[in-house]
């Protein structure tokens, strides 16, 4: 006779978010490629190209700082609540789940989007997050208005 032991599953996921080198490199390459493409314009359009190149570099800097603010401890509860940097927030929606990336829409003081890369946290924690999303254990909070 086979005796099955009860299995307990945690109702939350603990993550320690760090800077993802792959996401940082991909974003930087995209922005700098666009700047080089703009600067390779004919000489007649160079003043306009310089303006757009400077705007792209400024946007890259803002995106980089936005992503740097996402580092730190994160706990996602199965009922849609979250604790991030010791502040309460709520999960609005799961926007994207891939092998390398999870994008969540959150209602929090720090950010509206939460980008979690597999190389930006512990691999076991990332697998646990994906498993909870896949099994439907991590549900958005229905009381929050979706944008």
N, C-alpha and C. Protein backbone atom coordinates (compact mmCIF):
# COMPACT_ATOMS: atom_id res chain seq x y z
N UNK A 1 0.83 -1.17 0.00
CA UNK A 1 0.00 0.00 0.00
C UNK A 1 0.89 1.24 0.00
N UNK A 2 0.54 2.18 -0.86
CA UNK A 2 1.30 3.43 -0.96
C UNK A 2 0.67 4.46 -0.05
N UNK A 3 1.49 5.01 0.80
CA UNK A 3 1.00 6.04 1.71
C UNK A 3 1.49 7.40 1.20
N UNK A 4 0.56 8.28 0.91
CA UNK A 4 0.91 9.61 0.41
C UNK A 4 1.01 10.58 1.57
N UNK A 5 2.06 11.35 1.54
CA UNK A 5 2.25 12.36 2.57
C UNK A 5 1.61 13.67 2.12
N UNK A 6 1.06 14.41 3.05
CA UNK A 6 0.47 15.70 2.66
C UNK A 6 1.57 16.67 2.21
N UNK A 7 1.22 17.42 1.20
CA UNK A 7 2.16 18.39 0.66
C UNK A 7 1.63 19.78 0.97
N UNK A 8 2.49 20.60 1.49
CA UNK A 8 2.09 21.99 1.74
C UNK A 8 2.80 22.88 0.73
N UNK A 9 2.08 23.82 0.22
CA UNK A 9 2.67 24.78 -0.71
C UNK A 9 2.58 26.16 -0.09
N UNK A 10 3.56 26.96 -0.34
CA UNK A 10 3.56 28.31 0.19
C UNK A 10 2.58 29.16 -0.60
N UNK A 11 1.96 30.09 0.07
CA UNK A 11 1.00 30.96 -0.59
C UNK A 11 1.66 32.27 -1.00
N UNK A 12 2.97 32.27 -1.09
CA UNK A 12 3.69 33.47 -1.49
C UNK A 12 4.99 33.09 -2.18
N UNK A 13 5.58 34.06 -2.85
CA UNK A 13 6.87 33.88 -3.50
C UNK A 13 7.78 34.99 -2.98
N UNK A 14 8.94 34.62 -2.47
CA UNK A 14 9.94 35.58 -2.04
C UNK A 14 10.99 35.72 -3.14
N UNK A 15 11.24 36.94 -3.56
CA UNK A 15 12.25 37.21 -4.58
C UNK A 15 13.18 38.30 -4.09
N UNK A 16 14.43 38.19 -4.44
CA UNK A 16 15.41 39.26 -4.22
C UNK A 16 15.84 39.71 -5.61
N UNK A 17 15.27 40.82 -6.07
CA UNK A 17 15.51 41.30 -7.42
C UNK A 17 16.84 42.03 -7.51
N UNK A 18 17.63 41.67 -8.49
CA UNK A 18 18.92 42.31 -8.77
C UNK A 18 18.91 42.80 -10.21
N UNK A 19 19.93 43.53 -10.58
CA UNK A 19 20.07 44.01 -11.95
C UNK A 19 20.36 42.83 -12.87
N UNK A 20 19.56 42.69 -13.91
CA UNK A 20 19.75 41.61 -14.88
C UNK A 20 20.74 42.08 -15.94
N UNK A 21 21.90 41.44 -16.04
CA UNK A 21 22.88 41.87 -17.04
C UNK A 21 22.36 41.70 -18.47
N UNK A 22 21.60 40.67 -18.72
CA UNK A 22 21.10 40.44 -20.09
C UNK A 22 20.06 41.47 -20.50
N UNK A 23 19.14 41.80 -19.61
CA UNK A 23 18.13 42.80 -19.95
C UNK A 23 18.77 44.18 -20.10
N UNK A 24 19.70 44.50 -19.23
CA UNK A 24 20.41 45.78 -19.31
C UNK A 24 21.18 45.89 -20.62
N UNK A 25 21.85 44.83 -21.02
CA UNK A 25 22.61 44.84 -22.28
C UNK A 25 21.68 44.95 -23.48
N UNK A 26 20.57 44.22 -23.46
CA UNK A 26 19.62 44.26 -24.57
C UNK A 26 19.02 45.65 -24.74
N UNK A 27 18.61 46.27 -23.63
CA UNK A 27 18.05 47.62 -23.71
C UNK A 27 19.09 48.62 -24.22
N UNK A 28 20.29 48.53 -23.70
CA UNK A 28 21.34 49.46 -24.11
C UNK A 28 21.68 49.29 -25.59
N UNK A 29 21.78 48.05 -26.05
CA UNK A 29 22.08 47.81 -27.47
C UNK A 29 20.99 48.36 -28.38
N UNK A 30 19.75 48.19 -27.99
CA UNK A 30 18.64 48.71 -28.82
C UNK A 30 18.70 50.23 -28.92
N UNK A 31 18.89 50.90 -27.79
CA UNK A 31 18.93 52.36 -27.81
C UNK A 31 20.15 52.88 -28.58
N UNK A 32 21.31 52.31 -28.34
CA UNK A 32 22.51 52.80 -29.01
C UNK A 32 22.51 52.46 -30.50
N UNK A 33 21.89 51.37 -30.88
CA UNK A 33 21.75 51.07 -32.31
C UNK A 33 20.85 52.09 -32.99
N UNK A 34 19.80 52.47 -32.31
CA UNK A 34 18.91 53.50 -32.87
C UNK A 34 19.62 54.84 -33.00
N UNK A 35 20.46 55.17 -32.03
CA UNK A 35 21.23 56.43 -32.09
C UNK A 35 22.21 56.38 -33.25
N UNK A 36 22.92 55.27 -33.43
CA UNK A 36 23.85 55.15 -34.56
C UNK A 36 23.13 55.22 -35.90
N UNK A 37 21.94 54.63 -35.97
CA UNK A 37 21.16 54.71 -37.19
C UNK A 37 20.75 56.15 -37.49
N UNK A 38 20.39 56.89 -36.46
CA UNK A 38 20.04 58.30 -36.66
C UNK A 38 21.24 59.13 -37.11
N UNK A 39 22.40 58.84 -36.55
CA UNK A 39 23.58 59.63 -36.88
C UNK A 39 24.18 59.27 -38.24
N UNK A 40 23.70 58.19 -38.83
CA UNK A 40 24.18 57.83 -40.17
C UNK A 40 23.30 58.45 -41.26
N UNK A 41 22.48 59.41 -40.88
CA UNK A 41 21.60 60.09 -41.85
C UNK A 41 22.43 61.00 -42.76
N UNK A 42 21.88 61.38 -43.89
CA UNK A 42 22.58 62.32 -44.78
C UNK A 42 22.87 63.64 -44.07
N UNK A 43 23.91 64.34 -44.50
CA UNK A 43 24.32 65.58 -43.80
C UNK A 43 23.22 66.64 -43.72
N UNK A 44 22.28 66.63 -44.63
CA UNK A 44 21.20 67.62 -44.59
C UNK A 44 20.34 67.44 -43.34
N UNK A 45 20.16 66.20 -42.90
CA UNK A 45 19.29 65.91 -41.76
C UNK A 45 20.04 65.80 -40.43
N UNK A 46 21.34 66.08 -40.41
CA UNK A 46 22.13 65.91 -39.19
C UNK A 46 21.63 66.74 -38.01
N UNK A 47 21.25 68.01 -38.17
CA UNK A 47 20.74 68.74 -36.99
C UNK A 47 19.51 68.07 -36.38
N UNK A 48 18.61 67.62 -37.22
CA UNK A 48 17.42 66.93 -36.72
C UNK A 48 17.80 65.57 -36.12
N UNK A 49 18.75 64.90 -36.72
CA UNK A 49 19.21 63.60 -36.21
C UNK A 49 19.87 63.75 -34.85
N UNK A 50 20.67 64.81 -34.66
CA UNK A 50 21.30 65.06 -33.35
C UNK A 50 20.24 65.28 -32.28
N UNK A 51 19.18 66.01 -32.63
CA UNK A 51 18.11 66.26 -31.67
C UNK A 51 17.44 64.95 -31.25
N UNK A 52 17.09 64.10 -32.22
CA UNK A 52 16.44 62.84 -31.91
C UNK A 52 17.40 61.87 -31.20
N UNK A 53 18.67 61.91 -31.55
CA UNK A 53 19.65 61.05 -30.87
C UNK A 53 19.79 61.45 -29.40
N UNK A 54 19.80 62.75 -29.14
CA UNK A 54 19.89 63.21 -27.75
C UNK A 54 18.63 62.82 -26.98
N UNK A 55 17.48 62.91 -27.62
CA UNK A 55 16.23 62.51 -26.96
C UNK A 55 16.24 61.01 -26.65
N UNK A 56 16.77 60.20 -27.57
CA UNK A 56 16.87 58.76 -27.32
C UNK A 56 17.82 58.45 -26.17
N UNK A 57 18.95 59.14 -26.11
CA UNK A 57 19.89 58.91 -25.00
C UNK A 57 19.27 59.31 -23.66
N UNK A 58 18.51 60.40 -23.66
CA UNK A 58 17.83 60.82 -22.44
C UNK A 58 16.79 59.78 -22.02
N UNK A 59 16.04 59.23 -22.98
CA UNK A 59 15.05 58.20 -22.68
C UNK A 59 15.73 56.93 -22.18
N UNK A 60 16.88 56.57 -22.77
CA UNK A 60 17.63 55.39 -22.30
C UNK A 60 18.03 55.58 -20.85
N UNK A 61 18.49 56.78 -20.50
CA UNK A 61 18.90 57.06 -19.13
C UNK A 61 17.72 56.94 -18.17
N UNK A 62 16.56 57.44 -18.56
CA UNK A 62 15.37 57.32 -17.72
C UNK A 62 14.94 55.85 -17.56
N UNK A 63 15.00 55.09 -18.63
CA UNK A 63 14.64 53.68 -18.58
C UNK A 63 15.60 52.91 -17.68
N UNK A 64 16.88 53.23 -17.77
CA UNK A 64 17.89 52.57 -16.93
C UNK A 64 17.64 52.86 -15.45
N UNK A 65 17.36 54.11 -15.12
CA UNK A 65 17.09 54.46 -13.72
C UNK A 65 15.77 53.85 -13.23
N UNK A 66 14.78 53.77 -14.11
CA UNK A 66 13.52 53.11 -13.76
C UNK A 66 13.78 51.65 -13.43
N UNK A 67 14.61 51.00 -14.23
CA UNK A 67 14.92 49.60 -13.99
C UNK A 67 15.77 49.42 -12.73
N UNK A 68 16.67 50.35 -12.44
CA UNK A 68 17.49 50.25 -11.23
C UNK A 68 16.63 50.34 -9.96
N UNK A 69 15.54 51.11 -10.02
CA UNK A 69 14.66 51.25 -8.85
C UNK A 69 13.91 49.96 -8.55
N UNK A 70 13.91 49.01 -9.47
CA UNK A 70 13.17 47.77 -9.27
C UNK A 70 13.95 46.73 -8.46
N UNK A 71 15.14 47.02 -8.05
CA UNK A 71 15.93 46.07 -7.29
C UNK A 71 15.47 46.07 -5.84
N UNK A 72 15.60 44.91 -5.21
CA UNK A 72 15.27 44.81 -3.80
C UNK A 72 14.39 43.63 -3.49
N UNK A 73 14.01 43.49 -2.22
CA UNK A 73 13.19 42.35 -1.81
C UNK A 73 11.74 42.51 -2.24
N UNK A 74 11.15 41.40 -2.68
CA UNK A 74 9.77 41.39 -3.14
C UNK A 74 9.10 40.12 -2.65
N UNK A 75 7.89 40.26 -2.13
CA UNK A 75 7.09 39.09 -1.75
C UNK A 75 5.72 39.24 -2.40
N UNK A 76 5.36 38.26 -3.23
CA UNK A 76 4.07 38.22 -3.92
C UNK A 76 3.20 37.18 -3.24
N UNK A 77 2.03 37.58 -2.77
CA UNK A 77 1.09 36.67 -2.13
C UNK A 77 0.09 36.15 -3.16
N UNK A 78 -0.48 34.99 -2.90
CA UNK A 78 -1.40 34.38 -3.85
C UNK A 78 -2.71 35.13 -3.98
N UNK A 79 -3.05 35.99 -3.02
CA UNK A 79 -4.31 36.73 -3.10
C UNK A 79 -4.18 38.04 -3.90
N UNK A 80 -2.98 38.30 -4.44
CA UNK A 80 -2.79 39.49 -5.27
C UNK A 80 -2.11 40.64 -4.55
N UNK A 81 -1.86 40.50 -3.27
CA UNK A 81 -1.12 41.53 -2.53
C UNK A 81 0.37 41.30 -2.68
N UNK A 82 1.14 42.37 -2.46
CA UNK A 82 2.59 42.24 -2.52
C UNK A 82 3.24 43.17 -1.51
N UNK A 83 4.43 42.80 -1.10
CA UNK A 83 5.28 43.64 -0.24
C UNK A 83 6.56 43.88 -1.00
N UNK A 84 6.85 45.15 -1.24
CA UNK A 84 8.04 45.51 -2.01
C UNK A 84 8.69 46.68 -1.33
N UNK A 85 9.94 46.50 -0.90
CA UNK A 85 10.67 47.52 -0.14
C UNK A 85 9.88 47.92 1.11
N UNK A 86 9.31 46.93 1.78
CA UNK A 86 8.52 47.12 3.00
C UNK A 86 7.33 48.05 2.82
N UNK A 87 6.77 48.08 1.62
CA UNK A 87 5.56 48.84 1.35
C UNK A 87 4.55 47.91 0.70
N UNK A 88 3.29 48.10 1.06
CA UNK A 88 2.24 47.26 0.51
C UNK A 88 1.86 47.72 -0.90
N UNK A 89 1.47 46.76 -1.70
CA UNK A 89 1.00 47.04 -3.05
C UNK A 89 0.09 45.91 -3.49
N UNK A 90 -0.42 46.02 -4.71
CA UNK A 90 -1.33 45.00 -5.21
C UNK A 90 -0.98 44.64 -6.64
N UNK A 91 -1.14 43.39 -6.98
CA UNK A 91 -0.92 42.90 -8.33
C UNK A 91 -2.18 43.19 -9.15
N UNK A 92 -2.01 43.89 -10.27
CA UNK A 92 -3.14 44.20 -11.14
C UNK A 92 -3.32 43.12 -12.19
N UNK A 93 -2.23 42.76 -12.86
CA UNK A 93 -2.32 41.76 -13.93
C UNK A 93 -0.96 41.16 -14.21
N UNK A 94 -0.98 39.94 -14.73
CA UNK A 94 0.24 39.30 -15.24
C UNK A 94 0.25 39.59 -16.73
N UNK A 95 1.20 40.42 -17.18
CA UNK A 95 1.22 40.88 -18.56
C UNK A 95 1.95 39.93 -19.51
N UNK A 96 3.09 39.39 -19.07
CA UNK A 96 3.91 38.57 -19.95
C UNK A 96 4.65 37.53 -19.13
N UNK A 97 4.61 36.28 -19.59
CA UNK A 97 5.37 35.21 -18.94
C UNK A 97 6.08 34.44 -20.04
N UNK A 98 7.41 34.48 -20.02
CA UNK A 98 8.23 33.71 -20.94
C UNK A 98 9.25 32.93 -20.14
N UNK A 99 10.09 32.23 -20.84
CA UNK A 99 11.14 31.46 -20.17
C UNK A 99 12.14 32.38 -19.47
N UNK A 100 12.35 33.57 -20.03
CA UNK A 100 13.39 34.45 -19.53
C UNK A 100 12.87 35.67 -18.79
N UNK A 101 11.57 35.94 -18.90
CA UNK A 101 11.06 37.22 -18.42
C UNK A 101 9.61 37.09 -17.94
N UNK A 102 9.31 37.78 -16.83
CA UNK A 102 7.94 37.91 -16.33
C UNK A 102 7.69 39.41 -16.13
N UNK A 103 6.60 39.91 -16.70
CA UNK A 103 6.24 41.31 -16.55
C UNK A 103 4.89 41.37 -15.84
N UNK A 104 4.87 42.09 -14.72
CA UNK A 104 3.66 42.23 -13.92
C UNK A 104 3.24 43.69 -13.87
N UNK A 105 1.95 43.92 -13.89
CA UNK A 105 1.41 45.25 -13.69
C UNK A 105 1.00 45.33 -12.22
N UNK A 106 1.53 46.33 -11.50
CA UNK A 106 1.29 46.43 -10.06
C UNK A 106 0.80 47.84 -9.71
N UNK A 107 0.08 47.91 -8.61
CA UNK A 107 -0.32 49.19 -8.03
C UNK A 107 0.55 49.39 -6.80
N UNK A 108 1.57 50.22 -6.94
CA UNK A 108 2.56 50.43 -5.88
C UNK A 108 3.10 51.84 -5.99
N UNK A 109 3.62 52.36 -4.90
CA UNK A 109 4.17 53.72 -4.91
C UNK A 109 5.41 53.85 -5.79
N UNK A 110 6.19 52.79 -5.91
CA UNK A 110 7.46 52.88 -6.64
C UNK A 110 7.31 52.79 -8.15
N UNK A 111 6.54 51.85 -8.64
CA UNK A 111 6.42 51.62 -10.08
C UNK A 111 5.05 51.08 -10.44
N UNK A 112 4.75 51.10 -11.73
CA UNK A 112 3.52 50.50 -12.23
C UNK A 112 3.79 49.16 -12.90
N UNK A 113 4.99 48.97 -13.39
CA UNK A 113 5.39 47.74 -14.06
C UNK A 113 6.53 47.11 -13.29
N UNK A 114 6.50 45.81 -13.19
CA UNK A 114 7.55 45.08 -12.51
C UNK A 114 8.12 44.07 -13.49
N UNK A 115 9.41 44.23 -13.81
CA UNK A 115 10.09 43.35 -14.77
C UNK A 115 10.99 42.41 -13.99
N UNK A 116 10.73 41.11 -14.11
CA UNK A 116 11.51 40.11 -13.39
C UNK A 116 12.18 39.21 -14.42
N UNK A 117 13.51 39.21 -14.44
CA UNK A 117 14.28 38.37 -15.35
C UNK A 117 14.83 37.17 -14.60
N UNK A 118 15.04 36.10 -15.33
CA UNK A 118 15.53 34.89 -14.68
C UNK A 118 16.94 35.05 -14.14
N UNK A 119 17.76 35.91 -14.75
CA UNK A 119 19.12 36.11 -14.24
C UNK A 119 19.19 37.29 -13.28
N UNK A 120 18.04 37.90 -12.95
CA UNK A 120 18.01 38.99 -12.00
C UNK A 120 17.60 38.55 -10.61
N UNK A 121 17.35 37.24 -10.43
CA UNK A 121 17.01 36.70 -9.12
C UNK A 121 17.48 35.25 -9.07
N UNK A 122 17.26 34.62 -7.96
CA UNK A 122 17.63 33.22 -7.80
C UNK A 122 16.80 32.35 -8.75
N UNK A 123 17.42 31.40 -9.39
CA UNK A 123 16.74 30.57 -10.39
C UNK A 123 15.59 29.77 -9.76
N UNK A 124 15.79 29.26 -8.56
CA UNK A 124 14.72 28.49 -7.90
C UNK A 124 13.53 29.40 -7.58
N UNK A 125 13.80 30.62 -7.16
CA UNK A 125 12.72 31.57 -6.88
C UNK A 125 11.96 31.92 -8.16
N UNK A 126 12.70 32.09 -9.26
CA UNK A 126 12.06 32.41 -10.54
C UNK A 126 11.18 31.25 -11.00
N UNK A 127 11.64 30.03 -10.84
CA UNK A 127 10.84 28.86 -11.20
C UNK A 127 9.58 28.78 -10.35
N UNK A 128 9.72 29.07 -9.06
CA UNK A 128 8.57 29.06 -8.16
C UNK A 128 7.55 30.10 -8.59
N UNK A 129 8.00 31.29 -8.98
CA UNK A 129 7.10 32.33 -9.47
C UNK A 129 6.36 31.88 -10.72
N UNK A 130 7.10 31.32 -11.68
CA UNK A 130 6.47 30.86 -12.92
C UNK A 130 5.50 29.71 -12.65
N UNK A 131 5.83 28.84 -11.73
CA UNK A 131 4.94 27.73 -11.40
C UNK A 131 3.65 28.26 -10.79
N UNK A 132 3.74 29.23 -9.90
CA UNK A 132 2.54 29.79 -9.28
C UNK A 132 1.67 30.49 -10.32
N UNK A 133 2.29 31.17 -11.28
CA UNK A 133 1.52 31.83 -12.34
C UNK A 133 0.87 30.78 -13.24
N UNK A 134 1.64 29.78 -13.62
CA UNK A 134 1.14 28.74 -14.52
C UNK A 134 -0.02 27.95 -13.91
N UNK A 135 0.08 27.64 -12.63
CA UNK A 135 -0.98 26.88 -11.96
C UNK A 135 -2.16 27.75 -11.54
N UNK A 136 -2.04 29.04 -11.72
CA UNK A 136 -3.14 29.94 -11.35
C UNK A 136 -3.20 30.24 -9.87
N UNK A 137 -2.11 30.00 -9.16
CA UNK A 137 -2.09 30.27 -7.73
C UNK A 137 -1.83 31.74 -7.41
N UNK A 138 -1.22 32.45 -8.34
CA UNK A 138 -0.94 33.87 -8.16
C UNK A 138 -1.98 34.64 -8.95
N UNK A 139 -2.98 35.15 -8.26
CA UNK A 139 -4.10 35.79 -8.93
C UNK A 139 -4.08 37.29 -8.67
N UNK A 140 -4.38 38.07 -9.70
CA UNK A 140 -4.47 39.51 -9.51
C UNK A 140 -5.60 39.86 -8.54
N UNK A 141 -5.42 40.95 -7.84
CA UNK A 141 -6.42 41.40 -6.88
C UNK A 141 -7.61 41.99 -7.64
N UNK A 142 -8.82 41.44 -7.48
CA UNK A 142 -9.96 41.92 -8.27
C UNK A 142 -10.46 43.29 -7.83
N UNK A 143 -10.06 43.76 -6.65
CA UNK A 143 -10.54 45.06 -6.18
C UNK A 143 -9.82 46.24 -6.82
N UNK A 144 -8.72 45.99 -7.53
CA UNK A 144 -7.94 47.06 -8.12
C UNK A 144 -8.45 47.32 -9.53
N UNK A 145 -8.63 48.59 -9.88
CA UNK A 145 -9.06 48.96 -11.22
C UNK A 145 -7.92 48.73 -12.20
N UNK A 146 -8.22 48.05 -13.31
CA UNK A 146 -7.21 47.80 -14.32
C UNK A 146 -7.10 49.02 -15.21
N UNK A 147 -5.85 49.39 -15.59
CA UNK A 147 -5.68 50.57 -16.46
C UNK A 147 -6.10 50.29 -17.88
